[in-house]
């Protein structure tokens, strides 16, 4: 049976994540990409919150208009004391995974807490999308 909860009876989330800024470094010759996202994590609960698993999902489209995605893991866990907020820089790297000459569609940060609960946050900042490119595509992009 599906369970429904009325909006006015749903509790506010105890943890809130906001993406403040993002940066990317691209080396086309070596086919490597480095990403850094600065996030603010607010903990409104009465206990410490741990987010041991943070993943950046990069969604892209190939020239043939196929949709793909790659998940990149962060190396550092996030720990936020009770009733506070923390500003954290998350770093991700990849090499020879995302196809060349593709168009990046979106960045999504996926967080998993110590109890297994998942939270997703859109990190598709225009400055990061513009920097993570091989250049402008031809007018016939996606037609082949």
Protein backbone atom coordinates (compact mmCIF):
# COMPACT_ATOMS: atom_id res chain seq x y z
CA UNK A 1 0.00 0.00 0.00
CA UNK A 2 1.24 3.45 -0.85
CA UNK A 3 1.31 5.93 1.99
CA UNK A 4 0.45 9.56 1.43
CA UNK A 5 1.26 12.47 3.71
CA UNK A 6 -0.55 15.77 3.53
CA UNK A 7 1.77 18.72 2.90
CA UNK A 8 0.76 20.50 6.10
CA UNK A 9 1.49 17.36 8.16
CA UNK A 10 4.90 16.66 6.64
CA UNK A 11 7.82 17.61 8.86
CA UNK A 12 10.47 20.02 7.65
CA UNK A 13 13.75 18.36 6.67
CA UNK A 14 16.34 18.31 9.43
CA UNK A 15 19.23 18.77 7.00
CA UNK A 16 19.34 21.34 4.21
CA UNK A 17 22.04 21.64 1.55
CA UNK A 18 22.54 24.73 -0.61
CA UNK A 19 25.10 24.96 -3.43
CA UNK A 20 26.96 28.27 -3.07
CA UNK A 21 29.46 28.04 -5.92
CA UNK A 22 31.09 25.61 -8.31
CA UNK A 23 34.30 25.39 -10.31
CA UNK A 24 35.64 23.05 -12.96
CA UNK A 25 39.04 22.52 -14.52
CA UNK A 26 39.17 20.73 -17.84
CA UNK A 27 42.23 19.35 -19.62
CA UNK A 28 41.05 18.33 -23.10
CA UNK A 29 44.39 16.76 -24.12
CA UNK A 30 44.50 14.47 -21.07
CA UNK A 31 40.69 14.07 -21.00
CA UNK A 32 40.48 14.89 -17.30
CA UNK A 33 37.93 16.93 -15.39
CA UNK A 34 38.14 18.28 -11.85
CA UNK A 35 35.10 19.69 -10.05
CA UNK A 36 34.79 21.63 -6.80
CA UNK A 37 31.43 22.60 -5.30
CA UNK A 38 31.10 24.78 -2.20
CA UNK A 39 27.97 23.85 -0.25
CA UNK A 40 26.35 25.06 2.94
CA UNK A 41 24.92 22.20 5.03
CA UNK A 42 22.44 23.22 7.76
CA UNK A 43 21.58 20.79 10.56
CA UNK A 44 18.39 21.67 12.42
CA UNK A 45 18.30 18.46 14.45
CA UNK A 46 19.42 17.92 18.05
CA UNK A 47 22.15 15.49 17.06
CA UNK A 48 25.24 15.49 14.89
CA UNK A 49 24.60 14.69 11.20
CA UNK A 50 27.04 12.63 9.17
CA UNK A 51 26.92 12.41 5.39
CA UNK A 52 29.62 9.81 4.70
CA UNK A 53 28.74 9.25 1.03
CA UNK A 54 28.58 12.20 -1.37
CA UNK A 55 28.36 11.63 -5.11
CA UNK A 56 28.39 14.02 -8.04
CA UNK A 57 26.27 12.75 -10.95
CA UNK A 58 27.31 14.33 -14.26
CA UNK A 59 24.59 13.89 -16.91
CA UNK A 60 25.61 14.38 -20.54
CA UNK A 61 24.40 13.98 -24.12
CA UNK A 62 26.58 12.57 -26.87
CA UNK A 63 26.66 14.01 -30.38
CA UNK A 64 24.24 11.25 -31.42
CA UNK A 65 21.86 12.53 -28.72
CA UNK A 66 22.28 9.56 -26.37
CA UNK A 67 21.90 10.40 -22.70
CA UNK A 68 24.53 9.17 -20.28
CA UNK A 69 25.66 9.78 -16.72
CA UNK A 70 28.68 9.13 -14.57
CA UNK A 71 28.81 9.11 -10.76
CA UNK A 72 31.91 10.51 -9.06
CA UNK A 73 32.54 9.93 -5.35
CA UNK A 74 33.85 12.59 -2.96
CA UNK A 75 36.78 11.59 -0.80
CA UNK A 76 35.76 13.40 2.42
CA UNK A 77 32.67 12.77 4.59
CA UNK A 78 30.59 15.72 5.83
CA UNK A 79 29.99 16.11 9.58
CA UNK A 80 27.72 18.88 10.90
CA UNK A 81 27.23 19.40 14.65
CA UNK A 82 23.69 19.70 16.04
CA UNK A 83 21.93 23.00 15.39
CA UNK A 84 24.69 24.47 13.24
CA UNK A 85 25.69 24.94 9.62
CA UNK A 86 28.93 24.07 7.86
CA UNK A 87 30.45 25.42 4.66
CA UNK A 88 32.16 22.52 2.87
CA UNK A 89 34.13 22.21 -0.38
CA UNK A 90 33.44 18.93 -2.19
CA UNK A 91 36.03 17.79 -4.75
CA UNK A 92 35.56 15.28 -7.57
CA UNK A 93 37.87 14.11 -10.38
CA UNK A 94 37.55 11.94 -13.45
CA UNK A 95 39.67 10.88 -16.39
CA UNK A 96 38.70 9.21 -19.66
CA UNK A 97 35.12 8.57 -18.49
CA UNK A 98 32.90 11.31 -19.95
CA UNK A 99 32.98 11.10 -23.78
CA UNK A 100 34.71 13.90 -25.63
CA UNK A 101 32.55 16.29 -27.63
CA UNK A 102 29.52 15.68 -25.48
CA UNK A 103 27.21 18.30 -24.02
CA UNK A 104 26.88 18.38 -20.22
CA UNK A 105 23.18 18.54 -19.27
CA UNK A 106 23.27 18.66 -15.46
CA UNK A 107 25.18 18.19 -12.24
CA UNK A 108 23.42 16.61 -9.26
CA UNK A 109 24.85 16.12 -5.78
CA UNK A 110 23.64 12.94 -4.06
CA UNK A 111 24.04 12.69 -0.29
CA UNK A 112 23.51 9.58 1.84
CA UNK A 113 23.43 9.87 5.62
CA UNK A 114 24.51 7.27 8.19
CA UNK A 115 20.99 5.75 8.28
CA UNK A 116 20.86 5.34 4.49
CA UNK A 117 18.47 8.24 3.79
CA UNK A 118 19.21 9.95 0.46
CA UNK A 119 19.00 13.60 -0.50
CA UNK A 120 19.58 15.13 -3.95
CA UNK A 121 20.52 18.72 -4.77
CA UNK A 122 20.74 20.31 -8.22
CA UNK A 123 24.24 21.74 -8.75
CA UNK A 124 23.82 22.82 -12.39
CA UNK A 125 25.35 26.27 -12.03
CA UNK A 126 25.63 28.14 -15.36
CA UNK A 127 29.30 29.01 -14.80
CA UNK A 128 30.23 25.33 -14.33
CA UNK A 129 28.18 24.20 -17.35
CA UNK A 130 29.87 26.82 -19.55
CA UNK A 131 33.37 25.91 -18.39
CA UNK A 132 32.89 22.15 -18.87
CA UNK A 133 32.77 22.07 -22.66
CA UNK A 134 34.88 21.35 -25.73
CA UNK A 135 33.57 24.54 -27.32
CA UNK A 136 30.53 25.39 -29.38
CA UNK A 137 28.78 22.60 -31.20
CA UNK A 138 27.74 22.65 -34.86
CA UNK A 139 24.18 23.65 -35.79
CA UNK A 140 23.46 20.00 -36.65
CA UNK A 141 24.22 18.81 -33.08
CA UNK A 142 22.17 15.70 -32.30
CA UNK A 143 21.04 15.10 -35.87
CA UNK A 144 23.52 12.29 -36.58
